[in-house]
Protein backbone atom coordinates (compact mmCIF):
# COMPACT_ATOMS: atom_id res chain seq x y z
CA UNK A 1 86.80 -17.83 -150.79
CA UNK A 2 87.02 -15.83 -147.54
CA UNK A 3 89.47 -18.13 -145.80
CA UNK A 4 91.71 -17.97 -148.83
CA UNK A 5 91.80 -14.06 -148.58
CA UNK A 6 92.38 -14.52 -144.42
CA UNK A 7 96.16 -16.78 -145.93
CA UNK A 8 96.74 -14.12 -148.12
CA UNK A 9 96.74 -11.39 -145.65
CA UNK A 10 98.46 -13.70 -143.52
CA UNK A 11 101.30 -14.26 -145.92
CA UNK A 12 101.25 -10.73 -146.59
CA UNK A 13 101.54 -9.73 -143.04
CA UNK A 14 104.85 -12.07 -142.72
CA UNK A 15 106.33 -10.10 -145.63
CA UNK A 16 105.88 -6.59 -144.51
CA UNK A 17 108.48 -5.28 -142.11
CA UNK A 18 107.09 -3.84 -138.76
CA UNK A 19 103.45 -4.82 -139.48
CA UNK A 20 101.03 -5.12 -136.47
CA UNK A 21 98.66 -6.53 -138.23
CA UNK A 22 99.21 -10.22 -137.46
CA UNK A 23 100.17 -12.65 -133.98
CA UNK A 24 103.03 -15.11 -134.43
CA UNK A 25 103.13 -18.51 -132.80
CA UNK A 26 105.55 -21.05 -133.75
CA UNK A 27 106.57 -19.01 -136.85
CA UNK A 28 103.15 -19.15 -138.13
CA UNK A 29 101.33 -16.21 -138.72
CA UNK A 30 97.58 -15.14 -137.89
CA UNK A 31 95.88 -11.75 -138.80
CA UNK A 32 94.39 -10.03 -135.91
CA UNK A 33 90.97 -9.66 -137.73
CA UNK A 34 88.86 -11.94 -140.08
CA UNK A 35 85.60 -10.88 -141.61
CA UNK A 36 82.78 -13.88 -141.25
CA UNK A 37 79.19 -13.19 -142.82
CA UNK A 38 80.20 -9.38 -142.71
CA UNK A 39 81.04 -9.27 -139.33
CA UNK A 40 84.76 -8.79 -138.39
CA UNK A 41 85.96 -11.09 -135.82
CA UNK A 42 89.13 -10.58 -133.57
CA UNK A 43 91.87 -12.95 -132.98
CA UNK A 44 91.06 -14.28 -129.15
CA UNK A 45 94.19 -16.56 -128.87
CA UNK A 46 96.68 -18.74 -130.27
CA UNK A 47 97.97 -22.14 -128.74
CA UNK A 48 99.94 -25.02 -129.60
CA UNK A 49 98.57 -28.81 -129.90
CA UNK A 50 101.58 -30.76 -128.70
CA UNK A 51 101.24 -35.11 -128.77
CA UNK A 52 102.61 -38.19 -127.40
CA UNK A 53 105.47 -38.51 -125.01
CA UNK A 54 107.77 -36.70 -127.20
CA UNK A 55 105.27 -33.30 -127.18
CA UNK A 56 105.24 -32.82 -130.91
CA UNK A 57 103.96 -30.07 -132.06
CA UNK A 58 101.18 -30.92 -134.03
CA UNK A 59 99.37 -27.49 -135.09
CA UNK A 60 99.16 -24.02 -133.67
CA UNK A 61 95.40 -23.13 -133.17
CA UNK A 62 93.75 -20.16 -133.76
CA UNK A 63 90.63 -18.71 -132.04
CA UNK A 64 88.63 -15.59 -133.87
CA UNK A 65 85.65 -13.92 -131.92
CA UNK A 66 83.58 -11.29 -132.31
CA UNK A 67 83.90 -10.67 -128.64
CA UNK A 68 87.12 -11.61 -127.58
CA UNK A 69 87.05 -13.13 -124.22
CA UNK A 70 89.23 -15.29 -121.47
CA UNK A 71 85.90 -16.81 -120.35
CA UNK A 72 85.43 -20.54 -121.58
CA UNK A 73 81.97 -20.81 -120.64
CA UNK A 74 80.93 -17.69 -122.26
CA UNK A 75 82.23 -18.20 -125.38
CA UNK A 76 80.47 -21.76 -125.38
CA UNK A 77 77.28 -20.33 -124.51
CA UNK A 78 77.74 -17.39 -127.21
CA UNK A 79 75.53 -17.81 -130.22
CA UNK A 80 77.62 -15.41 -132.31
CA UNK A 81 80.27 -16.09 -135.44
CA UNK A 82 83.18 -17.35 -134.43
CA UNK A 83 86.30 -19.38 -136.16
CA UNK A 84 88.89 -21.58 -134.81
CA UNK A 85 91.83 -22.24 -137.38
CA UNK A 86 94.46 -25.35 -137.18
CA UNK A 87 97.63 -24.46 -138.48
CA UNK A 88 99.38 -27.96 -138.68
CA UNK A 89 103.07 -28.49 -138.08
CA UNK A 90 103.30 -31.95 -138.74
CA UNK A 91 101.35 -34.13 -140.77
CA UNK A 92 98.64 -36.18 -139.66
CA UNK A 93 96.58 -39.04 -141.44
CA UNK A 94 93.01 -38.97 -142.23
CA UNK A 95 92.68 -41.96 -139.65
CA UNK A 96 94.53 -39.74 -136.87
CA UNK A 97 92.07 -36.91 -137.28
CA UNK A 98 89.11 -39.50 -137.31
CA UNK A 99 90.27 -40.70 -133.98
CA UNK A 100 91.12 -37.13 -132.60
CA UNK A 101 87.31 -36.03 -133.51
CA UNK A 102 86.08 -38.82 -131.70
CA UNK A 103 88.16 -38.63 -128.45
CA UNK A 104 87.38 -34.84 -128.91
CA UNK A 105 83.40 -34.96 -129.16
CA UNK A 106 83.62 -37.88 -126.27
CA UNK A 107 85.61 -35.48 -123.75
CA UNK A 108 83.63 -32.36 -125.07
CA UNK A 109 79.63 -33.94 -124.94
CA UNK A 110 79.66 -37.14 -123.38
CA UNK A 111 75.96 -37.06 -122.64
CA UNK A 112 75.34 -35.83 -125.82
CA UNK A 113 77.32 -38.43 -128.52
CA UNK A 114 73.72 -40.27 -129.53
CA UNK A 115 72.56 -36.87 -130.92
CA UNK A 116 75.77 -35.94 -132.24
CA UNK A 117 76.97 -39.47 -134.08
CA UNK A 118 75.42 -38.53 -137.77
CA UNK A 119 77.12 -35.05 -137.88
CA UNK A 120 80.50 -36.71 -136.33
CA UNK A 121 80.26 -39.39 -138.64
CA UNK A 122 80.00 -36.68 -141.81
CA UNK A 123 82.79 -34.43 -140.45
CA UNK A 124 84.93 -37.73 -140.32
CA UNK A 125 83.86 -38.56 -143.77
CA UNK A 126 85.47 -35.00 -144.96
CA UNK A 127 88.88 -36.44 -143.56
CA UNK A 128 91.79 -36.61 -145.73
CA UNK A 129 95.53 -36.77 -144.99
CA UNK A 130 96.77 -33.30 -143.63
CA UNK A 131 100.27 -32.22 -144.38
CA UNK A 132 102.52 -29.76 -142.34
CA UNK A 133 101.93 -26.42 -143.65
CA UNK A 134 98.01 -27.14 -144.55
CA UNK A 135 95.22 -25.28 -142.67
CA UNK A 136 91.60 -26.43 -141.77
CA UNK A 137 89.35 -23.73 -140.64
CA UNK A 138 85.98 -24.20 -138.70
CA UNK A 139 83.39 -21.15 -139.32
CA UNK A 140 80.69 -20.72 -136.84
CA UNK A 141 77.56 -19.25 -138.31
CA UNK A 142 74.60 -18.97 -135.95
CA UNK A 143 71.81 -20.65 -137.10
CA UNK A 144 73.67 -22.29 -140.09
CA UNK A 145 76.29 -24.69 -138.62
CA UNK A 146 79.91 -25.26 -138.41
CA UNK A 147 81.25 -24.53 -142.58
CA UNK A 148 84.61 -26.81 -142.77
CA UNK A 149 87.32 -25.24 -144.71
CA UNK A 150 90.38 -27.20 -145.93
CA UNK A 151 93.37 -24.81 -147.13
CA UNK A 152 90.88 -22.40 -148.13
CA UNK A 153 88.31 -24.46 -149.78
CA UNK A 154 84.65 -25.16 -148.50
CA UNK A 155 84.14 -29.09 -147.61
CA UNK A 156 80.93 -28.55 -146.32
CA UNK A 157 78.47 -27.81 -143.41
CA UNK A 158 77.09 -29.17 -140.14
CA UNK A 159 73.98 -27.87 -138.94
CA UNK A 160 73.23 -27.26 -135.71
CA UNK A 161 73.87 -25.11 -132.62
CA UNK A 162 74.06 -28.16 -130.39
CA UNK A 163 77.04 -29.59 -132.74
CA UNK A 164 78.58 -26.16 -132.86
CA UNK A 165 78.84 -25.94 -128.95
CA UNK A 166 80.41 -29.34 -128.71
CA UNK A 167 82.58 -28.84 -131.35
CA UNK A 168 84.21 -25.87 -129.98
CA UNK A 169 84.20 -27.25 -126.19
CA UNK A 170 86.64 -30.03 -127.79
CA UNK A 171 89.10 -27.25 -127.18
CA UNK A 172 87.79 -24.86 -124.68
CA UNK A 173 85.82 -27.28 -122.79
CA UNK A 174 86.60 -29.27 -119.42
CA UNK A 175 88.94 -31.80 -121.08
CA UNK A 176 90.86 -30.47 -123.75
CA UNK A 177 93.50 -31.73 -125.83
CA UNK A 178 96.10 -29.89 -123.82
CA UNK A 179 95.91 -27.33 -120.84
CA UNK A 180 98.31 -25.05 -122.35
CA UNK A 181 96.46 -25.00 -125.96
CA UNK A 182 93.08 -23.74 -124.10
CA UNK A 183 95.03 -21.34 -122.36
CA UNK A 184 96.70 -19.85 -125.63
CA UNK A 185 93.37 -20.23 -127.05
CA UNK A 186 91.74 -17.79 -124.14
CA UNK A 187 94.30 -15.50 -124.78
CA UNK A 188 97.20 -16.30 -122.85
CA UNK A 189 100.82 -17.50 -123.85
CA UNK A 190 100.90 -19.75 -126.97
CA UNK A 191 103.28 -22.02 -125.80
């Protein structure tokens, strides 16, 4: 429900001339602020995930934080609410998503995979084909875990701060899926 409100606000912002309450990247608009567990989060940055030699634009990512920062290590170490939204520009199969999660966690937390294995499998069990125009949102609630929403519908929660840190590390760790994507999420240009 909270994420559905976020999408409605973004859609409304697109229809209002001169609105300064949203930022855009590649034609996708994101609100400047969202609320998680009663706490206002600010849009930290936007980035585009590009894949293959053809540089296909897969999704626009948005990172929301309680305290915006360009310091990846500080963000990964923070125990505050946060949210990452992936708005898909390209249709992706469930199998491709599962492979991407496995690669992402292997790059983000190579020494911790054994302890994350069951929770990664749970996340992968929720994956389905995603069409262009659909959005995934992952909300970190400290002490609870990561809530996964598909187009505003809660699919489930995965517990553990270790999982939350490794999950966010997919984009902000030393081996992100793209340097420009990471730079954009950290407040740089969205390209």
